[in-house]
PDB file of N, CA and C in Angstrom:
ATOM      1  N   UNK A   1      -6.589  -5.699   8.028  1.00  0.00           N
ATOM      2  CA  UNK A   1      -6.223  -5.446   6.644  1.00  0.00           C
ATOM      3  C   UNK A   1      -6.416  -3.952   6.393  1.00  0.00           C
ATOM      4  N   UNK A   2      -5.583  -3.401   5.521  1.00  0.00           N
ATOM      5  CA  UNK A   2      -5.661  -1.977   5.213  1.00  0.00           C
ATOM      6  C   UNK A   2      -5.649  -1.749   3.706  1.00  0.00           C
ATOM      7  N   UNK A   3      -6.487  -0.829   3.291  1.00  0.00           N
ATOM      8  CA  UNK A   3      -6.448  -0.299   1.940  1.00  0.00           C
ATOM      9  C   UNK A   3      -5.701   1.019   2.046  1.00  0.00           C
ATOM     10  N   UNK A   4      -4.596   1.137   1.313  1.00  0.00           N
ATOM     11  CA  UNK A   4      -3.787   2.354   1.358  1.00  0.00           C
ATOM     12  C   UNK A   4      -3.888   3.025  -0.012  1.00  0.00           C
ATOM     13  N   UNK A   5      -4.352   4.248  -0.007  1.00  0.00           N
ATOM     14  CA  UNK A   5      -4.501   5.015  -1.239  1.00  0.00           C
ATOM     15  C   UNK A   5      -3.430   6.092  -1.285  1.00  0.00           C
ATOM     16  N   UNK A   6      -2.605   6.052  -2.312  1.00  0.00           N
ATOM     17  CA  UNK A   6      -1.581   7.071  -2.502  1.00  0.00           C
ATOM     18  C   UNK A   6      -2.096   8.109  -3.481  1.00  0.00           C
ATOM     19  N   UNK A   7      -1.758   9.359  -3.224  1.00  0.00           N
ATOM     20  CA  UNK A   7      -2.107  10.449  -4.130  1.00  0.00           C
ATOM     21  C   UNK A   7      -0.823  11.183  -4.497  1.00  0.00           C
ATOM     22  N   UNK A   8      -0.522  11.190  -5.791  1.00  0.00           N
ATOM     23  CA  UNK A   8       0.696  11.851  -6.252  1.00  0.00           C
ATOM     24  C   UNK A   8       0.548  13.360  -6.128  1.00  0.00           C
ATOM     25  N   UNK A   9       1.616  13.987  -5.669  1.00  0.00           N
ATOM     26  CA  UNK A   9       1.632  15.427  -5.465  1.00  0.00           C
ATOM     27  C   UNK A   9       2.462  16.146  -6.522  1.00  0.00           C
ATOM     28  N   UNK A  10       3.177  15.387  -7.324  1.00  0.00           N
ATOM     29  CA  UNK A  10       4.072  15.959  -8.337  1.00  0.00           C
ATOM     30  C   UNK A  10       3.741  15.365  -9.707  1.00  0.00           C
ATOM     31  N   UNK A  11       4.356  15.904 -10.732  1.00  0.00           N
ATOM     32  CA  UNK A  11       4.136  15.432 -12.104  1.00  0.00           C
ATOM     33  C   UNK A  11       4.678  14.014 -12.273  1.00  0.00           C
ATOM     34  N   UNK A  12       4.240  13.338 -13.322  1.00  0.00           N
ATOM     35  CA  UNK A  12       4.713  11.983 -13.582  1.00  0.00           C
ATOM     36  C   UNK A  12       6.221  11.960 -13.825  1.00  0.00           C
ATOM     37  N   UNK A  13       6.763  13.041 -14.379  1.00  0.00           N
ATOM     38  CA  UNK A  13       8.208  13.106 -14.592  1.00  0.00           C
ATOM     39  C   UNK A  13       8.958  13.068 -13.264  1.00  0.00           C
ATOM     40  N   UNK A  14       8.450  13.777 -12.271  1.00  0.00           N
ATOM     41  CA  UNK A  14       9.066  13.770 -10.943  1.00  0.00           C
ATOM     42  C   UNK A  14       8.836  12.417 -10.281  1.00  0.00           C
ATOM     43  N   UNK A  15       7.622  11.880 -10.380  1.00  0.00           N
ATOM     44  CA  UNK A  15       7.312  10.578  -9.775  1.00  0.00           C
ATOM     45  C   UNK A  15       8.235   9.498 -10.312  1.00  0.00           C
ATOM     46  N   UNK A  16       8.509   9.554 -11.615  1.00  0.00           N
ATOM     47  CA  UNK A  16       9.341   8.534 -12.249  1.00  0.00           C
ATOM     48  C   UNK A  16      10.739   8.471 -11.646  1.00  0.00           C
ATOM     49  N   UNK A  17      11.212   9.548 -11.056  1.00  0.00           N
ATOM     50  CA  UNK A  17      12.529   9.562 -10.423  1.00  0.00           C
ATOM     51  C   UNK A  17      12.568   8.674  -9.179  1.00  0.00           C
ATOM     52  N   UNK A  18      11.391   8.380  -8.612  1.00  0.00           N
ATOM     53  CA  UNK A  18      11.307   7.612  -7.370  1.00  0.00           C
ATOM     54  C   UNK A  18      10.719   6.212  -7.556  1.00  0.00           C
ATOM     55  N   UNK A  19      10.325   5.877  -8.772  1.00  0.00           N
ATOM     56  CA  UNK A  19       9.625   4.610  -9.006  1.00  0.00           C
ATOM     57  C   UNK A  19      10.475   3.395  -8.648  1.00  0.00           C
ATOM     58  N   UNK A  20      11.730   3.364  -9.049  1.00  0.00           N
ATOM     59  CA  UNK A  20      12.582   2.202  -8.773  1.00  0.00           C
ATOM     60  C   UNK A  20      12.719   1.989  -7.269  1.00  0.00           C
ATOM     61  N   UNK A  21      12.991   3.060  -6.537  1.00  0.00           N
ATOM     62  CA  UNK A  21      13.134   2.944  -5.078  1.00  0.00           C
ATOM     63  C   UNK A  21      11.814   2.555  -4.423  1.00  0.00           C
ATOM     64  N   UNK A  22      10.707   3.115  -4.911  1.00  0.00           N
ATOM     65  CA  UNK A  22       9.375   2.780  -4.382  1.00  0.00           C
ATOM     66  C   UNK A  22       9.086   1.294  -4.587  1.00  0.00           C
ATOM     67  N   UNK A  23       9.335   0.797  -5.788  1.00  0.00           N
ATOM     68  CA  UNK A  23       9.079  -0.622  -6.072  1.00  0.00           C
ATOM     69  C   UNK A  23       9.985  -1.536  -5.259  1.00  0.00           C
ATOM     70  N   UNK A  24      11.215  -1.127  -5.023  1.00  0.00           N
ATOM     71  CA  UNK A  24      12.115  -1.925  -4.182  1.00  0.00           C
ATOM     72  C   UNK A  24      11.575  -1.991  -2.753  1.00  0.00           C
ATOM     73  N   UNK A  25      11.076  -0.868  -2.265  1.00  0.00           N
ATOM     74  CA  UNK A  25      10.472  -0.840  -0.922  1.00  0.00           C
ATOM     75  C   UNK A  25       9.277  -1.792  -0.866  1.00  0.00           C
ATOM     76  N   UNK A  26       8.414  -1.731  -1.880  1.00  0.00           N
ATOM     77  CA  UNK A  26       7.257  -2.624  -1.896  1.00  0.00           C
ATOM     78  C   UNK A  26       7.695  -4.086  -1.977  1.00  0.00           C
ATOM     79  N   UNK A  27       8.719  -4.380  -2.766  1.00  0.00           N
ATOM     80  CA  UNK A  27       9.207  -5.764  -2.878  1.00  0.00           C
ATOM     81  C   UNK A  27       9.653  -6.296  -1.517  1.00  0.00           C
ATOM     82  N   UNK A  28      10.295  -5.455  -0.734  1.00  0.00           N
ATOM     83  CA  UNK A  28      10.704  -5.841   0.620  1.00  0.00           C
ATOM     84  C   UNK A  28       9.491  -6.145   1.484  1.00  0.00           C
ATOM     85  N   UNK A  29       8.452  -5.328   1.353  1.00  0.00           N
ATOM     86  CA  UNK A  29       7.232  -5.522   2.137  1.00  0.00           C
ATOM     87  C   UNK A  29       6.487  -6.792   1.703  1.00  0.00           C
ATOM     88  N   UNK A  30       6.464  -7.051   0.394  1.00  0.00           N
ATOM     89  CA  UNK A  30       5.867  -8.304  -0.095  1.00  0.00           C
ATOM     90  C   UNK A  30       6.634  -9.499   0.465  1.00  0.00           C
ATOM     91  N   UNK A  31       7.959  -9.446   0.410  1.00  0.00           N
ATOM     92  CA  UNK A  31       8.790 -10.550   0.900  1.00  0.00           C
ATOM     93  C   UNK A  31       8.571 -10.802   2.393  1.00  0.00           C
ATOM     94  N   UNK A  32       8.242  -9.754   3.132  1.00  0.00           N
ATOM     95  CA  UNK A  32       7.982  -9.881   4.570  1.00  0.00           C
ATOM     96  C   UNK A  32       6.554 -10.334   4.858  1.00  0.00           C
ATOM     97  N   UNK A  33       5.746 -10.528   3.806  1.00  0.00           N
ATOM     98  CA  UNK A  33       4.368 -10.980   3.987  1.00  0.00           C
ATOM     99  C   UNK A  33       3.404  -9.893   4.405  1.00  0.00           C
ATOM    100  N   UNK A  34       3.794  -8.627   4.250  1.00  0.00           N
ATOM    101  CA  UNK A  34       2.962  -7.522   4.711  1.00  0.00           C
ATOM    102  C   UNK A  34       1.969  -7.018   3.660  1.00  0.00           C
ATOM    103  N   UNK A  35       2.218  -7.315   2.393  1.00  0.00           N
ATOM    104  CA  UNK A  35       1.355  -6.807   1.328  1.00  0.00           C
ATOM    105  C   UNK A  35       0.667  -7.935   0.585  1.00  0.00           C
ATOM    106  N   UNK A  36      -0.553  -7.652   0.128  1.00  0.00           N
ATOM    107  CA  UNK A  36      -1.335  -8.592  -0.662  1.00  0.00           C
ATOM    108  C   UNK A  36      -1.237  -8.234  -2.142  1.00  0.00           C
ATOM    109  N   UNK A  37      -1.360  -6.947  -2.444  1.00  0.00           N
ATOM    110  CA  UNK A  37      -1.246  -6.478  -3.822  1.00  0.00           C
ATOM    111  C   UNK A  37      -1.026  -4.983  -3.836  1.00  0.00           C
ATOM    112  N   UNK A  38      -0.530  -4.486  -4.981  1.00  0.00           N
ATOM    113  CA  UNK A  38      -0.320  -3.051  -5.147  1.00  0.00           C
ATOM    114  C   UNK A  38      -0.301  -2.725  -6.628  1.00  0.00           C
ATOM    115  N   UNK A  39      -0.532  -1.461  -6.937  1.00  0.00           N
ATOM    116  CA  UNK A  39      -0.467  -1.024  -8.321  1.00  0.00           C
ATOM    117  C   UNK A  39      -0.929   0.402  -8.472  1.00  0.00           C
ATOM    118  N   UNK A  40      -0.685   0.970  -9.661  1.00  0.00           N
ATOM    119  CA  UNK A  40      -1.071   2.355  -9.908  1.00  0.00           C
ATOM    120  C   UNK A  40      -2.571   2.482 -10.158  1.00  0.00           C
ATOM    121  N   UNK A  41      -3.094   3.649  -9.844  1.00  0.00           N
ATOM    122  CA  UNK A  41      -4.478   3.956 -10.191  1.00  0.00           C
ATOM    123  C   UNK A  41      -4.548   4.278 -11.687  1.00  0.00           C
ATOM    124  N   UNK A  42      -5.728   4.181 -12.241  1.00  0.00           N
ATOM    125  CA  UNK A  42      -5.973   4.554 -13.636  1.00  0.00           C
ATOM    126  C   UNK A  42      -7.055   5.619 -13.619  1.00  0.00           C
ATOM    127  N   UNK A  43      -6.755   6.846 -14.045  1.00  0.00           N
ATOM    128  CA  UNK A  43      -5.488   7.313 -14.586  1.00  0.00           C
ATOM    129  C   UNK A  43      -4.420   7.375 -13.499  1.00  0.00           C
ATOM    130  N   UNK A  44      -3.175   7.540 -13.916  1.00  0.00           N
ATOM    131  CA  UNK A  44      -2.027   7.461 -13.009  1.00  0.00           C
ATOM    132  C   UNK A  44      -1.879   8.739 -12.179  1.00  0.00           C
ATOM    133  N   UNK A  45      -2.750   8.863 -11.185  1.00  0.00           N
ATOM    134  CA  UNK A  45      -2.669  10.007 -10.275  1.00  0.00           C
ATOM    135  C   UNK A  45      -2.429   9.563  -8.835  1.00  0.00           C
ATOM    136  N   UNK A  46      -2.155   8.278  -8.679  1.00  0.00           N
ATOM    137  CA  UNK A  46      -1.909   7.721  -7.358  1.00  0.00           C
ATOM    138  C   UNK A  46      -1.735   6.227  -7.450  1.00  0.00           C
ATOM    139  N   UNK A  47      -1.728   5.581  -6.300  1.00  0.00           N
ATOM    140  CA  UNK A  47      -1.558   4.140  -6.252  1.00  0.00           C
ATOM    141  C   UNK A  47      -2.472   3.527  -5.212  1.00  0.00           C
ATOM    142  N   UNK A  48      -2.545   2.196  -5.245  1.00  0.00           N
ATOM    143  CA  UNK A  48      -3.367   1.438  -4.308  1.00  0.00           C
ATOM    144  C   UNK A  48      -2.520   0.301  -3.748  1.00  0.00           C
ATOM    145  N   UNK A  49      -2.583   0.121  -2.447  1.00  0.00           N
ATOM    146  CA  UNK A  49      -1.876  -0.965  -1.778  1.00  0.00           C
ATOM    147  C   UNK A  49      -2.870  -1.656  -0.851  1.00  0.00           C
ATOM    148  N   UNK A  50      -2.883  -2.970  -0.876  1.00  0.00           N
ATOM    149  CA  UNK A  50      -3.640  -3.732   0.119  1.00  0.00           C
ATOM    150  C   UNK A  50      -2.610  -4.383   1.024  1.00  0.00           C
ATOM    151  N   UNK A  51      -2.646  -3.985   2.291  1.00  0.00           N
ATOM    152  CA  UNK A  51      -1.641  -4.415   3.265  1.00  0.00           C
ATOM    153  C   UNK A  51      -2.265  -5.316   4.309  1.00  0.00           C
ATOM    154  N   UNK A  52      -1.532  -6.340   4.647  1.00  0.00           N
ATOM    155  CA  UNK A  52      -1.969  -7.287   5.666  1.00  0.00           C
ATOM    156  C   UNK A  52      -1.183  -7.001   6.946  1.00  0.00           C
ATOM    157  N   UNK A  53      -1.640  -5.998   7.658  1.00  0.00           N
ATOM    158  CA  UNK A  53      -0.975  -5.557   8.885  1.00  0.00           C
ATOM    159  C   UNK A  53      -2.001  -5.475  10.003  1.00  0.00           C
ATOM    160  N   UNK A  54      -1.552  -5.590  11.239  1.00  0.00           N
ATOM    161  CA  UNK A  54      -2.476  -5.625  12.354  1.00  0.00           C
ATOM    162  C   UNK A  54      -2.816  -4.297  12.985  1.00  0.00           C
ATOM    163  N   UNK A  55      -1.973  -3.295  12.788  1.00  0.00           N
ATOM    164  CA  UNK A  55      -2.187  -2.030  13.485  1.00  0.00           C
ATOM    165  C   UNK A  55      -1.867  -0.859  12.574  1.00  0.00           C
ATOM    166  N   UNK A  56      -2.556   0.223  12.801  1.00  0.00           N
ATOM    167  CA  UNK A  56      -2.353   1.433  12.016  1.00  0.00           C
ATOM    168  C   UNK A  56      -0.904   1.924  12.122  1.00  0.00           C
ATOM    169  N   UNK A  57      -0.305   1.754  13.282  1.00  0.00           N
ATOM    170  CA  UNK A  57       1.079   2.182  13.478  1.00  0.00           C
ATOM    171  C   UNK A  57       2.031   1.447  12.532  1.00  0.00           C
ATOM    172  N   UNK A  58       1.735   0.181  12.245  1.00  0.00           N
ATOM    173  CA  UNK A  58       2.559  -0.585  11.302  1.00  0.00           C
ATOM    174  C   UNK A  58       2.428  -0.017   9.889  1.00  0.00           C
ATOM    175  N   UNK A  59       1.215   0.376   9.520  1.00  0.00           N
ATOM    176  CA  UNK A  59       0.987   0.984   8.207  1.00  0.00           C
ATOM    177  C   UNK A  59       1.762   2.285   8.110  1.00  0.00           C
ATOM    178  N   UNK A  60       1.644   3.118   9.134  1.00  0.00           N
ATOM    179  CA  UNK A  60       2.326   4.407   9.118  1.00  0.00           C
ATOM    180  C   UNK A  60       3.840   4.230   9.020  1.00  0.00           C
ATOM    181  N   UNK A  61       4.398   3.286   9.759  1.00  0.00           N
ATOM    182  CA  UNK A  61       5.845   3.048   9.705  1.00  0.00           C
ATOM    183  C   UNK A  61       6.260   2.568   8.313  1.00  0.00           C
ATOM    184  N   UNK A  62       5.492   1.655   7.748  1.00  0.00           N
ATOM    185  CA  UNK A  62       5.801   1.148   6.406  1.00  0.00           C
ATOM    186  C   UNK A  62       5.733   2.267   5.378  1.00  0.00           C
ATOM    187  N   UNK A  63       4.711   3.094   5.474  1.00  0.00           N
ATOM    188  CA  UNK A  63       4.535   4.148   4.485  1.00  0.00           C
ATOM    189  C   UNK A  63       5.561   5.261   4.655  1.00  0.00           C
ATOM    190  N   UNK A  64       5.946   5.582   5.871  1.00  0.00           N
ATOM    191  CA  UNK A  64       6.962   6.624   6.072  1.00  0.00           C
ATOM    192  C   UNK A  64       8.312   6.199   5.500  1.00  0.00           C
ATOM    193  N   UNK A  65       8.537   4.887   5.409  1.00  0.00           N
ATOM    194  CA  UNK A  65       9.777   4.372   4.818  1.00  0.00           C
ATOM    195  C   UNK A  65       9.700   4.299   3.295  1.00  0.00           C
ATOM    196  N   UNK A  66       8.525   4.504   2.723  1.00  0.00           N
ATOM    197  CA  UNK A  66       8.355   4.463   1.264  1.00  0.00           C
ATOM    198  C   UNK A  66       8.959   5.731   0.659  1.00  0.00           C
ATOM    199  N   UNK A  67       9.853   5.598  -0.318  1.00  0.00           N
ATOM    200  CA  UNK A  67      10.464   6.782  -0.938  1.00  0.00           C
ATOM    201  C   UNK A  67       9.457   7.776  -1.521  1.00  0.00           C
ATOM    202  N   UNK A  68       8.321   7.311  -1.983  1.00  0.00           N
ATOM    203  CA  UNK A  68       7.297   8.240  -2.468  1.00  0.00           C
ATOM    204  C   UNK A  68       6.844   9.175  -1.348  1.00  0.00           C
ATOM    205  N   UNK A  69       6.667   8.617  -0.159  1.00  0.00           N
ATOM    206  CA  UNK A  69       6.157   9.398   0.969  1.00  0.00           C
ATOM    207  C   UNK A  69       7.279  10.207   1.616  1.00  0.00           C
ATOM    208  N   UNK A  70       8.413   9.563   1.872  1.00  0.00           N
ATOM    209  CA  UNK A  70       9.499  10.261   2.564  1.00  0.00           C
ATOM    210  C   UNK A  70      10.061  11.426   1.746  1.00  0.00           C
ATOM    211  N   UNK A  71       9.935  11.360   0.425  1.00  0.00           N
ATOM    212  CA  UNK A  71      10.416  12.456  -0.425  1.00  0.00           C
ATOM    213  C   UNK A  71       9.376  13.562  -0.585  1.00  0.00           C
ATOM    214  N   UNK A  72       8.134  13.285  -0.175  1.00  0.00           N
ATOM    215  CA  UNK A  72       7.079  14.282  -0.290  1.00  0.00           C
ATOM    216  C   UNK A  72       6.421  14.355  -1.658  1.00  0.00           C
ATOM    217  N   UNK A  73       6.694  13.375  -2.524  1.00  0.00           N
ATOM    218  CA  UNK A  73       6.072  13.423  -3.851  1.00  0.00           C
ATOM    219  C   UNK A  73       4.689  12.764  -3.862  1.00  0.00           C
ATOM    220  N   UNK A  74       4.337  12.110  -2.756  1.00  0.00           N
ATOM    221  CA  UNK A  74       3.005  11.504  -2.637  1.00  0.00           C
ATOM    222  C   UNK A  74       2.554  11.578  -1.187  1.00  0.00           C
ATOM    223  N   UNK A  75       1.245  11.531  -1.002  1.00  0.00           N
ATOM    224  CA  UNK A  75       0.645  11.409   0.326  1.00  0.00           C
ATOM    225  C   UNK A  75      -0.158  10.122   0.330  1.00  0.00           C
ATOM    226  N   UNK A  76      -0.570   9.675   1.498  1.00  0.00           N
ATOM    227  CA  UNK A  76      -1.364   8.447   1.560  1.00  0.00           C
ATOM    228  C   UNK A  76      -2.480   8.578   2.577  1.00  0.00           C
ATOM    229  N   UNK A  77      -3.452   7.721   2.380  1.00  0.00           N
ATOM    230  CA  UNK A  77      -4.592   7.584   3.297  1.00  0.00           C
ATOM    231  C   UNK A  77      -4.787   6.096   3.522  1.00  0.00           C
ATOM    232  N   UNK A  78      -4.858   5.652   4.762  1.00  0.00           N
ATOM    233  CA  UNK A  78      -5.031   4.242   5.086  1.00  0.00           C
ATOM    234  C   UNK A  78      -6.420   4.015   5.658  1.00  0.00           C
ATOM    235  N   UNK A  79      -7.095   3.006   5.142  1.00  0.00           N
ATOM    236  CA  UNK A  79      -8.443   2.644   5.584  1.00  0.00           C
ATOM    237  C   UNK A  79      -8.389   1.204   6.092  1.00  0.00           C
ATOM    238  N   UNK A  80      -8.697   1.012   7.368  1.00  0.00           N
ATOM    239  CA  UNK A  80      -8.716  -0.342   7.917  1.00  0.00           C
ATOM    240  C   UNK A  80     -10.041  -1.006   7.581  1.00  0.00           C
ATOM    241  N   UNK A  81      -9.976  -2.294   7.235  1.00  0.00           N
ATOM    242  CA  UNK A  81     -11.189  -3.047   6.960  1.00  0.00           C
ATOM    243  C   UNK A  81     -10.968  -4.513   7.309  1.00  0.00           C
ATOM    244  N   UNK A  82     -12.063  -5.245   7.419  1.00  0.00           N
ATOM    245  CA  UNK A  82     -12.015  -6.685   7.670  1.00  0.00           C
ATOM    246  C   UNK A  82     -12.337  -7.386   6.358  1.00  0.00           C
ATOM    247  N   UNK A  83     -11.396  -8.169   5.870  1.00  0.00           N
ATOM    248  CA  UNK A  83     -11.589  -8.911   4.617  1.00  0.00           C
ATOM    249  C   UNK A  83     -12.404 -10.163   4.929  1.00  0.00           C
ATOM    250  N   UNK A  84     -13.688  -9.973   5.086  1.00  0.00           N
ATOM    251  CA  UNK A  84     -14.570 -11.054   5.501  1.00  0.00           C
ATOM    252  C   UNK A  84     -14.834 -12.050   4.387  1.00  0.00           C
ATOM    253  N   UNK A  85     -14.945 -11.565   3.171  1.00  0.00           N
ATOM    254  CA  UNK A  85     -15.208 -12.445   2.034  1.00  0.00           C
ATOM    255  C   UNK A  85     -14.119 -12.235   0.994  1.00  0.00           C
ATOM    256  N   UNK A  86     -13.677 -13.321   0.376  1.00  0.00           N
ATOM    257  CA  UNK A  86     -12.636 -13.246  -0.637  1.00  0.00           C
ATOM    258  C   UNK A  86     -12.945 -14.194  -1.782  1.00  0.00           C
ATOM    259  N   UNK A  87     -12.287 -13.971  -2.880  1.00  0.00           N
ATOM    260  CA  UNK A  87     -12.299 -14.938  -3.977  1.00  0.00           C
ATOM    261  C   UNK A  87     -11.638 -16.206  -3.437  1.00  0.00           C
ATOM    262  N   UNK A  88     -12.069 -17.393  -3.869  1.00  0.00           N
ATOM    263  CA  UNK A  88     -11.476 -18.630  -3.347  1.00  0.00           C
ATOM    264  C   UNK A  88      -9.945 -18.672  -3.428  1.00  0.00           C
ATOM    265  N   UNK A  89      -9.370 -18.078  -4.445  1.00  0.00           N
ATOM    266  CA  UNK A  89      -7.916 -18.090  -4.566  1.00  0.00           C
ATOM    267  C   UNK A  89      -7.232 -17.187  -3.537  1.00  0.00           C
ATOM    268  N   UNK A  90      -8.000 -16.336  -2.866  1.00  0.00           N
ATOM    269  CA  UNK A  90      -7.460 -15.458  -1.835  1.00  0.00           C
ATOM    270  C   UNK A  90      -7.953 -15.841  -0.440  1.00  0.00           C
ATOM    271  N   UNK A  91      -8.461 -17.053  -0.295  1.00  0.00           N
ATOM    272  CA  UNK A  91      -9.063 -17.485   0.974  1.00  0.00           C
ATOM    273  C   UNK A  91      -8.113 -17.346   2.153  1.00  0.00           C
ATOM    274  N   UNK A  92      -6.819 -17.447   1.939  1.00  0.00           N
ATOM    275  CA  UNK A  92      -5.852 -17.324   3.030  1.00  0.00           C
ATOM    276  C   UNK A  92      -5.869 -15.935   3.654  1.00  0.00           C
ATOM    277  N   UNK A  93      -6.455 -14.958   2.957  1.00  0.00           N
ATOM    278  CA  UNK A  93      -6.485 -13.596   3.467  1.00  0.00           C
ATOM    279  C   UNK A  93      -7.796 -13.251   4.173  1.00  0.00           C
ATOM    280  N   UNK A  94      -8.741 -14.165   4.203  1.00  0.00           N
ATOM    281  CA  UNK A  94     -10.029 -13.907   4.867  1.00  0.00           C
ATOM    282  C   UNK A  94      -9.794 -13.726   6.373  1.00  0.00           C
ATOM    283  N   UNK A  95     -10.594 -12.842   6.950  1.00  0.00           N
ATOM    284  CA  UNK A  95     -10.453 -12.529   8.369  1.00  0.00           C
ATOM    285  C   UNK A  95     -11.788 -12.733   9.079  1.00  0.00           C
ATOM    286  N   UNK A  96     -11.684 -13.017  10.356  1.00  0.00           N
ATOM    287  CA  UNK A  96     -12.876 -13.093  11.189  1.00  0.00           C
ATOM    288  C   UNK A  96     -13.258 -11.688  11.641  1.00  0.00           C
ATOM    289  N   UNK A  97     -14.556 -11.452  11.759  1.00  0.00           N
ATOM    290  CA  UNK A  97     -15.001 -10.171  12.288  1.00  0.00           C
ATOM    291  C   UNK A  97     -14.675 -10.087  13.765  1.00  0.00           C
ATOM    292  N   UNK A  98     -14.254  -8.911  14.229  1.00  0.00           N
ATOM    293  CA  UNK A  98     -14.011  -8.756  15.676  1.00  0.00           C
ATOM    294  C   UNK A  98     -15.310  -8.955  16.445  1.00  0.00           C
ATOM    295  N   UNK A  99     -15.192  -9.465  17.635  1.00  0.00           N
ATOM    296  CA  UNK A  99     -16.367  -9.714  18.473  1.00  0.00           C
ATOM    297  C   UNK A  99     -16.872  -8.427  19.053  1.00  0.00           C
TER     298      UNK A  99
END
């Protein structure tokens, strides 16, 4: 599992030009079962994505295809983690710790 933190590099006016394409990209990733949740940070200076992917290379490929990243209006940082404990409604996302 990966926590992906986006940091906006441009003003909200510039970011807004890419929002529709960014959300369409995320919708495709959700439909493919790759994302658990996503949304803007508060205050709106970046975004947060929780991705259900097995390898860092998959995260990088997904993010490079994101219009926010490919246009250079945002950067991202991916943090891999093991979702060992979850709320009962998210139990399907729980992972075993590596041996």
